[in-house]
Amino acid sequence: MTPPEFPTGRIRPSDAERDQALGVLKDGAGSGRLSHDTFLGRMDIVLQANSRSELDAAVAGLPTGGPVERFVLRTVGRVSGFGDRINRAWRTERLPGLSLPQAGAGTLTIGRIPGSGLRLHNASVSRSHAELRQENGDWVLYDLGSTNGTHVNGRRIAGGVRVRPGDQVRFGDLEFRLVAL
């Protein structure tokens, strides 16, 4: 009795082969050899590939480069980003400090409206912009539906976000660095 024969057809690429192809595409996009749209299109091809030839077609025209080339590209990327990191650090140190209230102070309202705990006279700040509350021993910053947003460490917040000394906060166009008393 002979075992039944199943048609094997094409051999699907392994996850390792897909990862390798995605790495080549990522390096190509990172070095400017692929546009963002081309990268996304080729990435879809790699993820849906049913054969090794489809993977090869997706990375066609992109040299894989050896370990030395990849090292040089990574090093150049890090060196070129060094100036940006220095500028951000310099700017952060030059931000005006905003002292966190004493423990047990309750809620600090922030905005343009008279009576705010922290009244900011700037058109980019909403009348009732944000609120700083102490919850379980931590300070939590809430945006109150402001027009120009409340940002913590460069990211716009929705709802409450825990803040601590050293964090950068921005209300509209005004930016501060939180400091402890």
C-alpha atoms as a PDB file:
ATOM      1  CA  MET A   1       0.000   0.000   0.000  1.00  0.00           C
ATOM      2  CA  THR A   2       1.449   3.332  -0.983  1.00  0.00           C
ATOM      3  CA  PRO A   3       0.945   6.446   1.101  1.00  0.00           C
ATOM      4  CA  PRO A   4      -1.396   9.003  -0.391  1.00  0.00           C
ATOM      5  CA  GLU A   5       0.338  11.757  -2.256  1.00  0.00           C
ATOM      6  CA  PHE A   6      -0.595  15.332  -1.626  1.00  0.00           C
ATOM      7  CA  PRO A   7       0.328  18.040  -4.058  1.00  0.00           C
ATOM      8  CA  THR A   8       2.696  20.330  -2.239  1.00  0.00           C
ATOM      9  CA  GLY A   9       2.574  23.228  -4.650  1.00  0.00           C
ATOM     10  CA  ARG A  10       4.721  26.126  -3.552  1.00  0.00           C
ATOM     11  CA  ILE A  11       6.567  26.197  -0.274  1.00  0.00           C
ATOM     12  CA  ARG A  12       5.445  29.133   1.834  1.00  0.00           C
ATOM     13  CA  PRO A  13       8.204  31.407   3.125  1.00  0.00           C
ATOM     14  CA  SER A  14       9.136  31.027   6.764  1.00  0.00           C
ATOM     15  CA  ASP A  15       8.714  33.801   9.331  1.00  0.00           C
ATOM     16  CA  ALA A  16      12.491  34.232   9.373  1.00  0.00           C
ATOM     17  CA  GLU A  17      12.512  34.803   5.601  1.00  0.00           C
ATOM     18  CA  ARG A  18       9.687  37.337   5.926  1.00  0.00           C
ATOM     19  CA  ASP A  19      11.530  39.115   8.756  1.00  0.00           C
ATOM     20  CA  GLN A  20      14.679  39.268   6.649  1.00  0.00           C
ATOM     21  CA  ALA A  21      12.742  40.761   3.711  1.00  0.00           C
ATOM     22  CA  LEU A  22      11.049  43.290   6.014  1.00  0.00           C
ATOM     23  CA  GLY A  23      14.476  44.262   7.380  1.00  0.00           C
ATOM     24  CA  VAL A  24      15.733  44.924   3.845  1.00  0.00           C
ATOM     25  CA  LEU A  25      12.663  47.082   3.142  1.00  0.00           C
ATOM     26  CA  LYS A  26      13.103  48.953   6.436  1.00  0.00           C
ATOM     27  CA  ASP A  27      16.754  49.674   5.646  1.00  0.00           C
ATOM     28  CA  GLY A  28      15.752  50.803   2.142  1.00  0.00           C
ATOM     29  CA  ALA A  29      13.159  53.211   3.524  1.00  0.00           C
ATOM     30  CA  GLY A  30      15.507  54.420   6.256  1.00  0.00           C
ATOM     31  CA  SER A  31      18.275  55.180   3.774  1.00  0.00           C
ATOM     32  CA  GLY A  32      15.914  56.988   1.394  1.00  0.00           C
ATOM     33  CA  ARG A  33      15.932  54.367  -1.357  1.00  0.00           C
ATOM     34  CA  LEU A  34      12.179  53.734  -0.923  1.00  0.00           C
ATOM     35  CA  SER A  35       9.383  56.227  -0.515  1.00  0.00           C
ATOM     36  CA  HIS A  36       6.925  55.729   2.320  1.00  0.00           C
ATOM     37  CA  ASP A  37       4.154  54.601  -0.042  1.00  0.00           C
ATOM     38  CA  THR A  38       6.445  52.156  -1.856  1.00  0.00           C
ATOM     39  CA  PHE A  39       7.610  50.788   1.496  1.00  0.00           C
ATOM     40  CA  LEU A  40       4.007  50.178   2.622  1.00  0.00           C
ATOM     41  CA  GLY A  41       3.077  48.513  -0.675  1.00  0.00           C
ATOM     42  CA  ARG A  42       6.083  46.211  -0.627  1.00  0.00           C
ATOM     43  CA  MET A  43       5.513  45.423   3.042  1.00  0.00           C
ATOM     44  CA  ASP A  44       2.004  44.177   2.175  1.00  0.00           C
ATOM     45  CA  ILE A  45       3.489  41.982  -0.551  1.00  0.00           C
ATOM     46  CA  VAL A  46       5.975  40.473   1.922  1.00  0.00           C
ATOM     47  CA  LEU A  47       3.310  39.797   4.536  1.00  0.00           C
ATOM     48  CA  GLN A  48       0.981  38.111   2.017  1.00  0.00           C
ATOM     49  CA  ALA A  49       3.668  36.271   0.013  1.00  0.00           C
ATOM     50  CA  ASN A  50       2.956  32.625  -0.755  1.00  0.00           C
ATOM     51  CA  SER A  51       6.352  31.835  -2.249  1.00  0.00           C
ATOM     52  CA  ARG A  52      10.001  32.782  -1.971  1.00  0.00           C
ATOM     53  CA  SER A  53       9.857  34.307  -5.468  1.00  0.00           C
ATOM     54  CA  GLU A  54       7.224  36.804  -4.274  1.00  0.00           C
ATOM     55  CA  LEU A  55       9.560  37.818  -1.435  1.00  0.00           C
ATOM     56  CA  ASP A  56      12.430  38.224  -3.896  1.00  0.00           C
ATOM     57  CA  ALA A  57      10.260  40.410  -6.131  1.00  0.00           C
ATOM     58  CA  ALA A  58       9.328  42.642  -3.169  1.00  0.00           C
ATOM     59  CA  VAL A  59      12.979  43.377  -2.334  1.00  0.00           C
ATOM     60  CA  ALA A  60      14.183  43.521  -5.943  1.00  0.00           C
ATOM     61  CA  GLY A  61      16.511  46.417  -6.605  1.00  0.00           C
ATOM     62  CA  LEU A  62      17.392  46.892  -2.944  1.00  0.00           C
ATOM     63  CA  PRO A  63      20.877  45.727  -2.016  1.00  0.00           C
ATOM     64  CA  THR A  64      20.788  43.788   1.205  1.00  0.00           C
ATOM     65  CA  GLY A  65      24.169  45.129   2.278  1.00  0.00           C
ATOM     66  CA  GLY A  66      26.542  43.379   4.556  1.00  0.00           C
ATOM     67  CA  PRO A  67      27.042  43.871   8.270  1.00  0.00           C
ATOM     68  CA  VAL A  68      29.591  46.643   7.663  1.00  0.00           C
ATOM     69  CA  GLU A  69      27.140  48.646   5.517  1.00  0.00           C
ATOM     70  CA  ARG A  70      24.356  48.235   8.078  1.00  0.00           C
ATOM     71  CA  PHE A  71      26.741  49.345  10.856  1.00  0.00           C
ATOM     72  CA  VAL A  72      27.781  52.439   8.889  1.00  0.00           C
ATOM     73  CA  LEU A  73      24.147  53.372   8.143  1.00  0.00           C
ATOM     74  CA  ARG A  74      23.164  52.994  11.820  1.00  0.00           C
ATOM     75  CA  THR A  75      26.185  55.033  12.939  1.00  0.00           C
ATOM     76  CA  VAL A  76      25.460  57.842  10.479  1.00  0.00           C
ATOM     77  CA  GLY A  77      21.834  57.906  11.660  1.00  0.00           C
ATOM     78  CA  ARG A  78      22.898  58.192  15.286  1.00  0.00           C
ATOM     79  CA  VAL A  79      25.474  60.906  14.600  1.00  0.00           C
ATOM     80  CA  SER A  80      23.024  62.953  12.516  1.00  0.00           C
ATOM     81  CA  GLY A  81      20.455  62.791  15.335  1.00  0.00           C
ATOM     82  CA  PHE A  82      23.005  63.888  17.948  1.00  0.00           C
ATOM     83  CA  GLY A  83      22.574  67.611  17.189  1.00  0.00           C
ATOM     84  CA  ASP A  84      18.800  67.336  17.598  1.00  0.00           C
ATOM     85  CA  ARG A  85      19.209  65.633  20.974  1.00  0.00           C
ATOM     86  CA  ILE A  86      21.574  68.376  22.156  1.00  0.00           C
ATOM     87  CA  ASN A  87      19.153  71.100  21.008  1.00  0.00           C
ATOM     88  CA  ARG A  88      16.246  69.427  22.834  1.00  0.00           C
ATOM     89  CA  ALA A  89      18.303  69.065  26.019  1.00  0.00           C
ATOM     90  CA  TRP A  90      19.449  72.704  25.834  1.00  0.00           C
ATOM     91  CA  ARG A  91      15.889  73.900  25.236  1.00  0.00           C
ATOM     92  CA  THR A  92      14.543  71.771  28.091  1.00  0.00           C
ATOM     93  CA  GLU A  93      17.007  73.271  30.573  1.00  0.00           C
ATOM     94  CA  ARG A  94      16.046  76.778  29.469  1.00  0.00           C
ATOM     95  CA  LEU A  95      12.307  76.269  29.988  1.00  0.00           C
ATOM     96  CA  PRO A  96      10.810  78.213  32.880  1.00  0.00           C
ATOM     97  CA  GLY A  97      10.144  76.070  35.910  1.00  0.00           C
ATOM     98  CA  LEU A  98       6.609  75.426  37.111  1.00  0.00           C
ATOM     99  CA  SER A  99       6.558  74.316  40.748  1.00  0.00           C
ATOM    100  CA  LEU A 100       4.259  71.487  41.670  1.00  0.00           C
ATOM    101  CA  PRO A 101       2.007  72.464  44.603  1.00  0.00           C
ATOM    102  CA  GLN A 102       2.644  71.164  48.105  1.00  0.00           C
ATOM    103  CA  ALA A 103       1.220  67.755  48.985  1.00  0.00           C
ATOM    104  CA  GLY A 104      -2.390  68.044  50.121  1.00  0.00           C
ATOM    105  CA  ALA A 105      -2.978  71.223  48.117  1.00  0.00           C
ATOM    106  CA  GLY A 106      -5.891  69.613  46.296  1.00  0.00           C
ATOM    107  CA  THR A 107      -6.629  70.858  42.786  1.00  0.00           C
ATOM    108  CA  LEU A 108      -4.843  73.568  40.801  1.00  0.00           C
ATOM    109  CA  THR A 109      -6.842  75.066  37.918  1.00  0.00           C
ATOM    110  CA  ILE A 110      -4.918  76.403  34.932  1.00  0.00           C
ATOM    111  CA  GLY A 111      -6.304  78.879  32.416  1.00  0.00           C
ATOM    112  CA  ARG A 112      -7.005  82.495  31.470  1.00  0.00           C
ATOM    113  CA  ILE A 113     -10.131  82.911  33.586  1.00  0.00           C
ATOM    114  CA  PRO A 114      -9.822  85.119  36.689  1.00  0.00           C
ATOM    115  CA  GLY A 115      -9.661  82.977  39.792  1.00  0.00           C
ATOM    116  CA  SER A 116      -7.516  80.242  38.233  1.00  0.00           C
ATOM    117  CA  GLY A 117      -4.828  78.889  40.525  1.00  0.00           C
ATOM    118  CA  LEU A 118      -2.356  79.399  37.668  1.00  0.00           C
ATOM    119  CA  ARG A 119      -3.568  82.226  35.458  1.00  0.00           C
ATOM    120  CA  LEU A 120      -1.789  82.340  32.094  1.00  0.00           C
ATOM    121  CA  HIS A 121      -2.254  85.515  30.047  1.00  0.00           C
ATOM    122  CA  ASN A 122      -1.866  84.138  26.523  1.00  0.00           C
ATOM    123  CA  ALA A 123      -4.432  83.867  23.716  1.00  0.00           C
ATOM    124  CA  SER A 124      -3.423  80.245  23.005  1.00  0.00           C
ATOM    125  CA  VAL A 125      -4.526  79.224  26.511  1.00  0.00           C
ATOM    126  CA  SER A 126      -8.228  78.451  26.995  1.00  0.00           C
ATOM    127  CA  ARG A 127     -10.207  80.117  29.777  1.00  0.00           C
ATOM    128  CA  SER A 128     -10.426  76.785  31.639  1.00  0.00           C
ATOM    129  CA  HIS A 129      -7.492  74.969  30.092  1.00  0.00           C
ATOM    130  CA  ALA A 130      -6.301  72.243  32.465  1.00  0.00           C
ATOM    131  CA  GLU A 131      -6.362  70.973  36.011  1.00  0.00           C
ATOM    132  CA  LEU A 132      -3.623  69.505  38.176  1.00  0.00           C
ATOM    133  CA  ARG A 133      -4.960  67.143  40.844  1.00  0.00           C
ATOM    134  CA  GLN A 134      -3.282  65.107  43.523  1.00  0.00           C
ATOM    135  CA  GLU A 135      -4.491  61.498  43.379  1.00  0.00           C
ATOM    136  CA  ASN A 136      -3.063  58.719  45.569  1.00  0.00           C
ATOM    137  CA  GLY A 137       0.078  60.726  46.280  1.00  0.00           C
ATOM    138  CA  ASP A 138       0.768  61.460  42.584  1.00  0.00           C
ATOM    139  CA  TRP A 139       0.061  64.574  40.541  1.00  0.00           C
ATOM    140  CA  VAL A 140      -2.262  64.001  37.573  1.00  0.00           C
ATOM    141  CA  LEU A 141      -2.713  66.614  34.834  1.00  0.00           C
ATOM    142  CA  TYR A 142      -6.103  66.768  33.079  1.00  0.00           C
ATOM    143  CA  ASP A 143      -6.945  68.666  29.906  1.00  0.00           C
ATOM    144  CA  LEU A 144     -10.348  70.347  30.251  1.00  0.00           C
ATOM    145  CA  GLY A 145     -11.253  70.326  26.549  1.00  0.00           C
ATOM    146  CA  SER A 146      -8.901  73.158  25.667  1.00  0.00           C
ATOM    147  CA  THR A 147      -8.768  74.457  22.107  1.00  0.00           C
ATOM    148  CA  ASN A 148      -4.996  74.252  21.629  1.00  0.00           C
ATOM    149  CA  GLY A 149      -4.408  71.240  23.838  1.00  0.00           C
ATOM    150  CA  THR A 150      -2.355  70.268  26.827  1.00  0.00           C
ATOM    151  CA  HIS A 151       0.889  68.418  26.143  1.00  0.00           C
ATOM    152  CA  VAL A 152       3.150  66.373  28.416  1.00  0.00           C
ATOM    153  CA  ASN A 153       6.648  65.618  27.132  1.00  0.00           C
ATOM    154  CA  GLY A 154       5.630  66.563  23.601  1.00  0.00           C
ATOM    155  CA  ARG A 155       2.463  64.448  23.421  1.00  0.00           C
ATOM    156  CA  ARG A 156      -1.045  65.840  23.493  1.00  0.00           C
ATOM    157  CA  ILE A 157      -3.058  64.364  26.331  1.00  0.00           C
ATOM    158  CA  ALA A 158      -6.670  63.322  26.533  1.00  0.00           C
ATOM    159  CA  GLY A 159      -7.946  62.666  30.028  1.00  0.00           C
ATOM    160  CA  GLY A 160      -5.478  62.484  32.891  1.00  0.00           C
ATOM    161  CA  VAL A 161      -1.743  61.836  32.756  1.00  0.00           C
ATOM    162  CA  ARG A 162       0.541  61.356  35.759  1.00  0.00           C
ATOM    163  CA  VAL A 163       3.261  64.024  35.903  1.00  0.00           C
ATOM    164  CA  ARG A 164       6.373  64.397  38.023  1.00  0.00           C
ATOM    165  CA  PRO A 165       9.307  66.788  38.367  1.00  0.00           C
ATOM    166  CA  GLY A 166      11.333  67.062  35.160  1.00  0.00           C
ATOM    167  CA  ASP A 167       8.352  66.566  32.832  1.00  0.00           C
ATOM    168  CA  GLN A 168       7.707  69.187  30.159  1.00  0.00           C
ATOM    169  CA  VAL A 169       4.153  70.514  30.043  1.00  0.00           C
ATOM    170  CA  ARG A 170       2.635  72.823  27.454  1.00  0.00           C
ATOM    171  CA  PHE A 171      -0.614  74.754  27.659  1.00  0.00           C
ATOM    172  CA  GLY A 172      -1.353  76.181  24.208  1.00  0.00           C
ATOM    173  CA  ASP A 173       1.912  77.883  23.208  1.00  0.00           C
ATOM    174  CA  LEU A 174       3.341  78.213  26.738  1.00  0.00           C
ATOM    175  CA  GLU A 175       5.779  75.512  27.808  1.00  0.00           C
ATOM    176  CA  PHE A 176       7.178  74.779  31.272  1.00  0.00           C
ATOM    177  CA  ARG A 177       9.370  72.235  33.057  1.00  0.00           C
ATOM    178  CA  LEU A 178       7.861  70.834  36.258  1.00  0.00           C
ATOM    179  CA  VAL A 179       9.970  71.211  39.394  1.00  0.00           C
ATOM    180  CA  ALA A 180       9.405  70.050  42.961  1.00  0.00           C
ATOM    181  CA  LEU A 181       9.310  72.554  45.808  1.00  0.00           C
END
